């Protein structure tokens, strides 16, 4: 893009949101703040590798059950009398 088009785009975004300060890099993007670090853990039921928050991985360790297996287990438990 040309300098003029960049400036026009910035002014348009500034008009839509007066607090817009311009691009500050991908590391400072609002979507990046607050993200928890993830670690790969294998599900103890299906064996698939899942990305899980570090705290959950440390808490459950080798007994981790993924959400898919947990939901399947709950649905089976609710059907069985």
N, C-alpha and C. Protein backbone atom coordinates (compact mmCIF):
# COMPACT_ATOMS: atom_id res chain seq x y z
N UNK A 1 0.84 -1.18 0.00
CA UNK A 1 0.00 0.00 0.00
C UNK A 1 0.88 1.24 0.00
N UNK A 2 0.33 2.28 -0.53
CA UNK A 2 1.07 3.53 -0.55
C UNK A 2 0.94 4.22 0.81
N UNK A 3 1.77 5.18 1.01
CA UNK A 3 1.74 5.95 2.26
C UNK A 3 0.38 6.64 2.45
N UNK A 4 -0.14 7.17 1.36
CA UNK A 4 -1.43 7.87 1.42
C UNK A 4 -2.55 6.92 1.82
N UNK A 5 -2.55 5.71 1.22
CA UNK A 5 -3.59 4.74 1.55
C UNK A 5 -3.47 4.27 3.00
N UNK A 6 -2.23 4.10 3.46
CA UNK A 6 -2.04 3.74 4.86
C UNK A 6 -2.59 4.83 5.78
N UNK A 7 -2.28 6.06 5.46
CA UNK A 7 -2.74 7.19 6.28
C UNK A 7 -4.27 7.27 6.24
N UNK A 8 -4.87 7.10 5.08
CA UNK A 8 -6.33 7.13 4.96
C UNK A 8 -6.97 6.01 5.78
N UNK A 9 -6.37 4.84 5.74
CA UNK A 9 -6.90 3.71 6.51
C UNK A 9 -6.80 3.99 8.00
N UNK A 10 -5.67 4.54 8.43
CA UNK A 10 -5.49 4.89 9.83
C UNK A 10 -6.54 5.92 10.28
N UNK A 11 -6.74 6.93 9.47
CA UNK A 11 -7.73 7.96 9.82
C UNK A 11 -9.15 7.39 9.88
N UNK A 12 -9.45 6.45 8.98
CA UNK A 12 -10.76 5.81 8.98
C UNK A 12 -10.96 4.99 10.27
N UNK A 13 -9.94 4.22 10.65
CA UNK A 13 -10.02 3.45 11.88
C UNK A 13 -10.09 4.37 13.09
N UNK A 14 -9.37 5.48 13.04
CA UNK A 14 -9.39 6.46 14.14
C UNK A 14 -10.77 7.10 14.25
N UNK A 15 -11.43 7.31 13.11
CA UNK A 15 -12.77 7.89 13.10
C UNK A 15 -13.77 6.91 13.74
N UNK A 16 -13.61 5.60 13.46
CA UNK A 16 -14.49 4.59 14.03
C UNK A 16 -14.25 4.39 15.51
N UNK A 17 -12.98 4.49 15.93
CA UNK A 17 -12.62 4.29 17.33
C UNK A 17 -11.59 5.36 17.71
N UNK A 18 -12.02 6.41 18.42
CA UNK A 18 -11.09 7.51 18.76
C UNK A 18 -9.89 7.08 19.60
N UNK A 19 -9.99 5.96 20.31
CA UNK A 19 -8.87 5.50 21.13
C UNK A 19 -7.85 4.68 20.35
N UNK A 20 -8.09 4.44 19.07
CA UNK A 20 -7.18 3.62 18.26
C UNK A 20 -5.84 4.31 18.13
N UNK A 21 -4.77 3.60 18.49
CA UNK A 21 -3.44 4.18 18.48
C UNK A 21 -2.59 3.66 17.32
N UNK A 22 -3.15 2.79 16.51
CA UNK A 22 -2.40 2.24 15.39
C UNK A 22 -1.80 0.90 15.74
N UNK A 23 -1.25 0.26 14.76
CA UNK A 23 -0.67 -1.08 14.92
C UNK A 23 0.56 -1.00 15.83
N UNK A 24 0.59 -1.83 16.86
CA UNK A 24 1.71 -1.83 17.80
C UNK A 24 2.46 -3.16 17.80
N UNK A 25 2.25 -3.99 16.79
CA UNK A 25 2.92 -5.28 16.70
C UNK A 25 2.00 -6.39 17.16
N UNK A 26 2.28 -7.59 16.70
CA UNK A 26 1.44 -8.74 17.03
C UNK A 26 1.51 -9.12 18.50
N UNK A 27 2.64 -8.87 19.14
CA UNK A 27 2.78 -9.22 20.55
C UNK A 27 1.91 -8.35 21.45
N UNK A 28 1.60 -7.13 21.03
CA UNK A 28 0.81 -6.21 21.83
C UNK A 28 -0.66 -6.19 21.44
N UNK A 29 -1.06 -7.06 20.56
CA UNK A 29 -2.45 -7.09 20.09
C UNK A 29 -3.37 -7.42 21.26
N UNK A 30 -4.55 -6.82 21.32
CA UNK A 30 -5.48 -7.10 22.42
C UNK A 30 -5.85 -8.56 22.53
N UNK A 31 -5.91 -9.27 21.42
CA UNK A 31 -6.28 -10.68 21.46
C UNK A 31 -5.19 -11.53 22.10
N UNK A 32 -3.96 -11.04 22.14
CA UNK A 32 -2.85 -11.80 22.71
C UNK A 32 -2.75 -11.65 24.23
N UNK A 33 -3.28 -10.57 24.77
CA UNK A 33 -3.17 -10.36 26.21
C UNK A 33 -4.13 -11.28 26.94
N UNK A 34 -3.68 -11.82 28.03
CA UNK A 34 -4.53 -12.69 28.82
C UNK A 34 -4.51 -14.14 28.39
N UNK A 35 -3.77 -14.47 27.34
CA UNK A 35 -3.70 -15.87 26.91
C UNK A 35 -2.86 -16.66 27.90
N UNK A 36 -3.33 -17.83 28.26
CA UNK A 36 -2.59 -18.67 29.17
C UNK A 36 -1.66 -19.57 28.37
N UNK A 37 -0.49 -19.86 28.91
CA UNK A 37 0.42 -20.76 28.20
C UNK A 37 -0.14 -22.18 28.16
N UNK A 38 0.08 -22.85 27.05
CA UNK A 38 -0.45 -24.20 26.85
C UNK A 38 0.68 -25.21 26.81
N UNK A 39 0.33 -26.45 27.15
CA UNK A 39 1.28 -27.55 27.07
C UNK A 39 0.54 -28.75 26.49
N UNK A 40 1.22 -29.58 25.72
CA UNK A 40 0.61 -30.75 25.10
C UNK A 40 0.53 -31.89 26.11
N UNK A 41 -0.68 -32.47 26.26
CA UNK A 41 -0.91 -33.58 27.18
C UNK A 41 -1.72 -34.64 26.45
N UNK A 42 -1.41 -35.90 26.69
CA UNK A 42 -2.17 -36.99 26.09
C UNK A 42 -3.35 -37.33 26.98
N UNK A 43 -4.53 -37.52 26.35
CA UNK A 43 -5.73 -37.92 27.07
C UNK A 43 -5.56 -39.36 27.55
N UNK A 44 -5.93 -39.64 28.80
CA UNK A 44 -5.75 -40.98 29.34
C UNK A 44 -6.80 -41.96 28.81
N UNK A 45 -7.87 -41.46 28.18
CA UNK A 45 -8.92 -42.34 27.65
C UNK A 45 -8.67 -42.64 26.17
N UNK A 46 -8.61 -41.61 25.34
CA UNK A 46 -8.47 -41.83 23.89
C UNK A 46 -7.02 -41.78 23.41
N UNK A 47 -6.13 -41.21 24.21
CA UNK A 47 -4.72 -41.15 23.85
C UNK A 47 -4.36 -40.02 22.91
N UNK A 48 -5.31 -39.16 22.54
CA UNK A 48 -5.01 -38.04 21.65
C UNK A 48 -4.29 -36.95 22.40
N UNK A 49 -3.40 -36.26 21.69
CA UNK A 49 -2.65 -35.17 22.29
C UNK A 49 -3.51 -33.91 22.24
N UNK A 50 -3.64 -33.23 23.37
CA UNK A 50 -4.45 -32.01 23.47
C UNK A 50 -3.60 -30.89 24.05
N UNK A 51 -3.86 -29.66 23.60
CA UNK A 51 -3.22 -28.48 24.18
C UNK A 51 -4.05 -28.04 25.37
N UNK A 52 -3.42 -28.03 26.54
CA UNK A 52 -4.11 -27.76 27.80
C UNK A 52 -3.34 -26.68 28.55
N UNK A 53 -4.06 -25.87 29.33
CA UNK A 53 -3.40 -24.87 30.16
C UNK A 53 -2.44 -25.55 31.12
N UNK A 54 -1.34 -24.90 31.41
CA UNK A 54 -0.29 -25.48 32.25
C UNK A 54 -0.84 -25.89 33.61
N UNK A 55 -1.69 -25.06 34.21
CA UNK A 55 -2.24 -25.37 35.53
C UNK A 55 -3.05 -26.65 35.55
N UNK A 56 -3.87 -26.86 34.53
CA UNK A 56 -4.69 -28.08 34.44
C UNK A 56 -3.79 -29.28 34.21
N UNK A 57 -2.78 -29.12 33.38
CA UNK A 57 -1.85 -30.23 33.10
C UNK A 57 -1.11 -30.65 34.37
N UNK A 58 -0.67 -29.69 35.17
CA UNK A 58 0.02 -30.01 36.41
C UNK A 58 -0.92 -30.65 37.42
N UNK A 59 -2.15 -30.15 37.47
CA UNK A 59 -3.13 -30.65 38.43
C UNK A 59 -3.55 -32.09 38.14
N UNK A 60 -3.85 -32.39 36.87
CA UNK A 60 -4.38 -33.70 36.52
C UNK A 60 -3.30 -34.68 36.08
N UNK A 61 -2.20 -34.18 35.58
CA UNK A 61 -1.07 -35.03 35.20
C UNK A 61 -1.44 -36.13 34.22
N UNK A 62 -1.08 -37.38 34.55
CA UNK A 62 -1.33 -38.52 33.67
C UNK A 62 -2.80 -38.93 33.63
N UNK A 63 -3.62 -38.41 34.52
CA UNK A 63 -5.04 -38.77 34.59
C UNK A 63 -5.92 -37.81 33.80
N UNK A 64 -5.33 -36.98 32.93
CA UNK A 64 -6.09 -35.99 32.17
C UNK A 64 -7.07 -36.68 31.23
N UNK A 65 -8.32 -36.20 31.22
CA UNK A 65 -9.35 -36.67 30.30
C UNK A 65 -9.81 -35.47 29.50
N UNK A 66 -9.75 -35.57 28.16
CA UNK A 66 -10.11 -34.44 27.30
C UNK A 66 -11.61 -34.17 27.38
N UNK A 67 -12.00 -32.99 26.92
CA UNK A 67 -13.40 -32.58 26.98
C UNK A 67 -14.31 -33.50 26.17
N UNK A 68 -13.82 -33.99 25.04
CA UNK A 68 -14.63 -34.88 24.21
C UNK A 68 -14.93 -36.18 24.95
N UNK A 69 -13.92 -36.77 25.55
CA UNK A 69 -14.12 -38.02 26.30
C UNK A 69 -14.97 -37.78 27.54
N UNK A 70 -14.79 -36.65 28.19
CA UNK A 70 -15.57 -36.32 29.38
C UNK A 70 -17.04 -36.15 29.02
N UNK A 71 -17.34 -35.47 27.90
CA UNK A 71 -18.72 -35.30 27.46
C UNK A 71 -19.34 -36.64 27.09
N UNK A 72 -18.55 -37.49 26.43
CA UNK A 72 -19.05 -38.82 26.06
C UNK A 72 -19.34 -39.66 27.31
N UNK A 73 -18.47 -39.55 28.29
CA UNK A 73 -18.65 -40.28 29.55
C UNK A 73 -19.91 -39.80 30.28
N UNK A 74 -20.15 -38.49 30.29
CA UNK A 74 -21.33 -37.93 30.95
C UNK A 74 -22.62 -38.33 30.22
N UNK A 75 -22.58 -38.32 28.88
CA UNK A 75 -23.77 -38.68 28.13
C UNK A 75 -24.10 -40.17 28.31
N UNK A 76 -23.08 -40.99 28.42
CA UNK A 76 -23.30 -42.42 28.64
C UNK A 76 -23.83 -42.67 30.06
N UNK A 77 -23.34 -41.92 31.02
CA UNK A 77 -23.77 -42.08 32.41
C UNK A 77 -25.21 -41.62 32.59
N UNK A 78 -25.64 -40.60 31.84
CA UNK A 78 -27.00 -40.11 32.00
C UNK A 78 -28.03 -41.05 31.33
N UNK A 79 -27.59 -41.80 30.32
CA UNK A 79 -28.49 -42.73 29.63
C UNK A 79 -28.65 -44.01 30.44
N UNK A 80 -27.57 -44.50 31.02
CA UNK A 80 -27.59 -45.75 31.78
C UNK A 80 -28.31 -45.54 33.11
N UNK A 81 -29.32 -46.43 33.43
CA UNK A 81 -30.06 -46.23 34.69
C UNK A 81 -29.26 -46.61 35.90
